[in-house]
Amino acid sequence: MKKLNRKDIHILKKLVKPHMDDPEKGEAGSLLTSISRYYIADREDFLSRLEKLPDKDLKYLAERAMDGSECLLCIAPLCAEVFLDAVERRLSPEIAGRLRELFENVTTGYKDVT
């Protein structure tokens, strides 16, 4: 478990209400992991929750995934592509490309040392 910051709690509330009793407790796993594994019914539900987020919150999650604070490998498999597609469509193909590269490097075990 990790300590959630204010921004994490703010986004978590948007994505899981009314399913989560007290996000103010401030502890959870990765936001995307928790949401994709415990609070959604299917990929369409996950997409509809992501669509409720403003672009600035989606960008925050993407940046956290790029810095390793959000674990892309820990997202439910059916949701990883939904998240990456949302980033590409709403933020930029470049950001989505970097995230896909990170995701693929980790899943294949290949690390680019250049």
C-alpha atoms as a PDB file:
ATOM      1  CA  MET A   1       0.000   0.000   0.000  1.00  0.00           C
ATOM      2  CA  LYS A   2       1.112   3.530  -0.651  1.00  0.00           C
ATOM      3  CA  LYS A   3       0.064   6.858   0.768  1.00  0.00           C
ATOM      4  CA  LEU A   4      -2.172   8.726  -1.629  1.00  0.00           C
ATOM      5  CA  ASN A   5      -1.641  12.427  -2.142  1.00  0.00           C
ATOM      6  CA  ARG A   6      -4.494  14.931  -2.526  1.00  0.00           C
ATOM      7  CA  LYS A   7      -4.504  14.707  -6.306  1.00  0.00           C
ATOM      8  CA  ASP A   8      -4.679  10.885  -6.122  1.00  0.00           C
ATOM      9  CA  ILE A   9      -7.658  11.057  -3.753  1.00  0.00           C
ATOM     10  CA  HIS A  10      -9.371  13.658  -5.952  1.00  0.00           C
ATOM     11  CA  ILE A  11      -9.085  11.427  -9.030  1.00  0.00           C
ATOM     12  CA  LEU A  12      -9.997   8.277  -7.109  1.00  0.00           C
ATOM     13  CA  LYS A  13     -13.219   9.905  -5.927  1.00  0.00           C
ATOM     14  CA  LYS A  14     -14.145  10.775  -9.513  1.00  0.00           C
ATOM     15  CA  LEU A  15     -13.484   7.276 -10.775  1.00  0.00           C
ATOM     16  CA  VAL A  16     -15.002   5.085  -8.079  1.00  0.00           C
ATOM     17  CA  LYS A  17     -17.958   6.941  -6.613  1.00  0.00           C
ATOM     18  CA  PRO A  18     -20.308   5.632  -5.327  1.00  0.00           C
ATOM     19  CA  HIS A  19     -18.484   2.323  -4.902  1.00  0.00           C
ATOM     20  CA  MET A  20     -15.802   3.357  -2.428  1.00  0.00           C
ATOM     21  CA  ASP A  21     -16.764   4.189   1.128  1.00  0.00           C
ATOM     22  CA  ASP A  22     -13.878   6.369   2.252  1.00  0.00           C
ATOM     23  CA  PRO A  23     -11.187   7.342  -0.229  1.00  0.00           C
ATOM     24  CA  GLU A  24     -10.060   9.938   2.312  1.00  0.00           C
ATOM     25  CA  LYS A  25      -8.257   7.189   4.216  1.00  0.00           C
ATOM     26  CA  GLY A  26      -5.506   7.898   1.755  1.00  0.00           C
ATOM     27  CA  GLU A  27      -4.095   4.421   1.226  1.00  0.00           C
ATOM     28  CA  ALA A  28      -4.476   2.261  -1.832  1.00  0.00           C
ATOM     29  CA  GLY A  29      -2.498   0.490  -4.441  1.00  0.00           C
ATOM     30  CA  SER A  30      -1.911   2.206  -7.729  1.00  0.00           C
ATOM     31  CA  LEU A  31      -5.021   4.153  -8.761  1.00  0.00           C
ATOM     32  CA  LEU A  32      -5.375   2.524 -12.162  1.00  0.00           C
ATOM     33  CA  THR A  33      -4.760  -0.917 -10.690  1.00  0.00           C
ATOM     34  CA  SER A  34      -7.325  -0.489  -7.932  1.00  0.00           C
ATOM     35  CA  ILE A  35      -9.964   0.895 -10.266  1.00  0.00           C
ATOM     36  CA  SER A  36      -9.404  -1.624 -13.046  1.00  0.00           C
ATOM     37  CA  ARG A  37      -9.358  -4.631 -10.743  1.00  0.00           C
ATOM     38  CA  TYR A  38     -11.898  -3.819  -8.049  1.00  0.00           C
ATOM     39  CA  TYR A  39     -14.398  -1.203  -9.170  1.00  0.00           C
ATOM     40  CA  ILE A  40     -15.350  -1.865 -12.766  1.00  0.00           C
ATOM     41  CA  ALA A  41     -17.666  -4.340 -14.419  1.00  0.00           C
ATOM     42  CA  ASP A  42     -15.977  -4.513 -17.824  1.00  0.00           C
ATOM     43  CA  ARG A  43     -13.845  -2.540 -20.274  1.00  0.00           C
ATOM     44  CA  GLU A  44     -16.773  -0.313 -21.265  1.00  0.00           C
ATOM     45  CA  ASP A  45     -17.295   0.585 -17.599  1.00  0.00           C
ATOM     46  CA  PHE A  46     -13.592   1.432 -17.285  1.00  0.00           C
ATOM     47  CA  LEU A  47     -13.756   3.562 -20.437  1.00  0.00           C
ATOM     48  CA  SER A  48     -16.839   5.409 -19.209  1.00  0.00           C
ATOM     49  CA  ARG A  49     -15.057   6.201 -15.939  1.00  0.00           C
ATOM     50  CA  LEU A  50     -11.972   7.471 -17.768  1.00  0.00           C
ATOM     51  CA  GLU A  51     -14.213   9.606 -19.983  1.00  0.00           C
ATOM     52  CA  LYS A  52     -15.528  11.370 -16.859  1.00  0.00           C
ATOM     53  CA  LEU A  53     -12.038  12.606 -16.033  1.00  0.00           C
ATOM     54  CA  PRO A  54     -10.912  15.974 -17.311  1.00  0.00           C
ATOM     55  CA  ASP A  55      -7.884  15.816 -19.602  1.00  0.00           C
ATOM     56  CA  LYS A  56      -5.680  17.290 -16.865  1.00  0.00           C
ATOM     57  CA  ASP A  57      -6.469  14.324 -14.591  1.00  0.00           C
ATOM     58  CA  LEU A  58      -5.875  11.823 -17.394  1.00  0.00           C
ATOM     59  CA  LYS A  59      -2.564  13.568 -18.070  1.00  0.00           C
ATOM     60  CA  TYR A  60      -1.675  13.280 -14.383  1.00  0.00           C
ATOM     61  CA  LEU A  61      -2.293   9.513 -14.510  1.00  0.00           C
ATOM     62  CA  ALA A  62      -0.261   9.208 -17.714  1.00  0.00           C
ATOM     63  CA  GLU A  63       2.626  11.132 -16.153  1.00  0.00           C
ATOM     64  CA  ARG A  64       2.494   8.915 -13.080  1.00  0.00           C
ATOM     65  CA  ALA A  65       2.613   5.860 -15.325  1.00  0.00           C
ATOM     66  CA  MET A  66       5.666   7.300 -17.098  1.00  0.00           C
ATOM     67  CA  ASP A  67       7.489   7.966 -13.829  1.00  0.00           C
ATOM     68  CA  GLY A  68       6.593   4.522 -12.460  1.00  0.00           C
ATOM     69  CA  SER A  69       4.182   5.738  -9.763  1.00  0.00           C
ATOM     70  CA  GLU A  70       1.338   4.002 -11.589  1.00  0.00           C
ATOM     71  CA  CYS A  71       1.960   0.412 -12.613  1.00  0.00           C
ATOM     72  CA  LEU A  72       0.831  -0.272 -16.170  1.00  0.00           C
ATOM     73  CA  LEU A  73       1.519  -3.979 -15.777  1.00  0.00           C
ATOM     74  CA  CYS A  74      -0.738  -4.132 -12.742  1.00  0.00           C
ATOM     75  CA  ILE A  75      -3.780  -2.795 -14.590  1.00  0.00           C
ATOM     76  CA  ALA A  76      -6.332  -5.473 -15.410  1.00  0.00           C
ATOM     77  CA  PRO A  77      -5.307  -6.679 -18.892  1.00  0.00           C
ATOM     78  CA  LEU A  78      -8.625  -5.737 -20.463  1.00  0.00           C
ATOM     79  CA  CYS A  79      -8.120  -2.146 -19.254  1.00  0.00           C
ATOM     80  CA  ALA A  80      -4.515  -1.461 -20.251  1.00  0.00           C
ATOM     81  CA  GLU A  81      -5.371  -0.929 -23.902  1.00  0.00           C
ATOM     82  CA  VAL A  82      -8.414   1.161 -22.973  1.00  0.00           C
ATOM     83  CA  PHE A  83      -6.190   3.467 -20.929  1.00  0.00           C
ATOM     84  CA  LEU A  84      -3.541   3.720 -23.648  1.00  0.00           C
ATOM     85  CA  ASP A  85      -6.177   4.418 -26.320  1.00  0.00           C
ATOM     86  CA  ALA A  86      -7.749   7.148 -24.156  1.00  0.00           C
ATOM     87  CA  VAL A  87      -4.341   8.771 -23.680  1.00  0.00           C
ATOM     88  CA  GLU A  88      -3.680   8.658 -27.422  1.00  0.00           C
ATOM     89  CA  ARG A  89      -7.075  10.063 -28.350  1.00  0.00           C
ATOM     90  CA  ARG A  90      -7.364  12.736 -25.659  1.00  0.00           C
ATOM     91  CA  LEU A  91      -3.789  13.759 -24.909  1.00  0.00           C
ATOM     92  CA  SER A  92      -1.393  12.907 -27.704  1.00  0.00           C
ATOM     93  CA  PRO A  93      -0.060  10.051 -29.800  1.00  0.00           C
ATOM     94  CA  GLU A  94       3.437  10.877 -28.502  1.00  0.00           C
ATOM     95  CA  ILE A  95       2.503  10.376 -24.850  1.00  0.00           C
ATOM     96  CA  ALA A  96       0.611   7.198 -25.692  1.00  0.00           C
ATOM     97  CA  GLY A  97       3.599   5.986 -27.720  1.00  0.00           C
ATOM     98  CA  ARG A  98       5.959   6.483 -24.777  1.00  0.00           C
ATOM     99  CA  LEU A  99       3.554   4.653 -22.481  1.00  0.00           C
ATOM    100  CA  ARG A 100       3.146   1.788 -24.962  1.00  0.00           C
ATOM    101  CA  GLU A 101       6.915   1.541 -25.245  1.00  0.00           C
ATOM    102  CA  LEU A 102       7.285   1.405 -21.461  1.00  0.00           C
ATOM    103  CA  PHE A 103       4.519  -1.179 -21.255  1.00  0.00           C
ATOM    104  CA  GLU A 104       6.046  -3.333 -23.993  1.00  0.00           C
ATOM    105  CA  ASN A 105       9.575  -3.080 -22.574  1.00  0.00           C
ATOM    106  CA  VAL A 106       8.383  -4.218 -19.185  1.00  0.00           C
ATOM    107  CA  THR A 107       6.156  -7.009 -20.501  1.00  0.00           C
ATOM    108  CA  THR A 108       8.888  -8.398 -22.755  1.00  0.00           C
ATOM    109  CA  GLY A 109      11.656  -7.846 -20.237  1.00  0.00           C
ATOM    110  CA  TYR A 110      13.666  -5.889 -22.778  1.00  0.00           C
ATOM    111  CA  LYS A 111      15.346  -2.787 -21.452  1.00  0.00           C
ATOM    112  CA  ASP A 112      16.704  -0.257 -23.914  1.00  0.00           C
ATOM    113  CA  VAL A 113      20.164   0.664 -22.630  1.00  0.00           C
ATOM    114  CA  THR A 114      20.876   3.349 -25.224  1.00  0.00           C
END
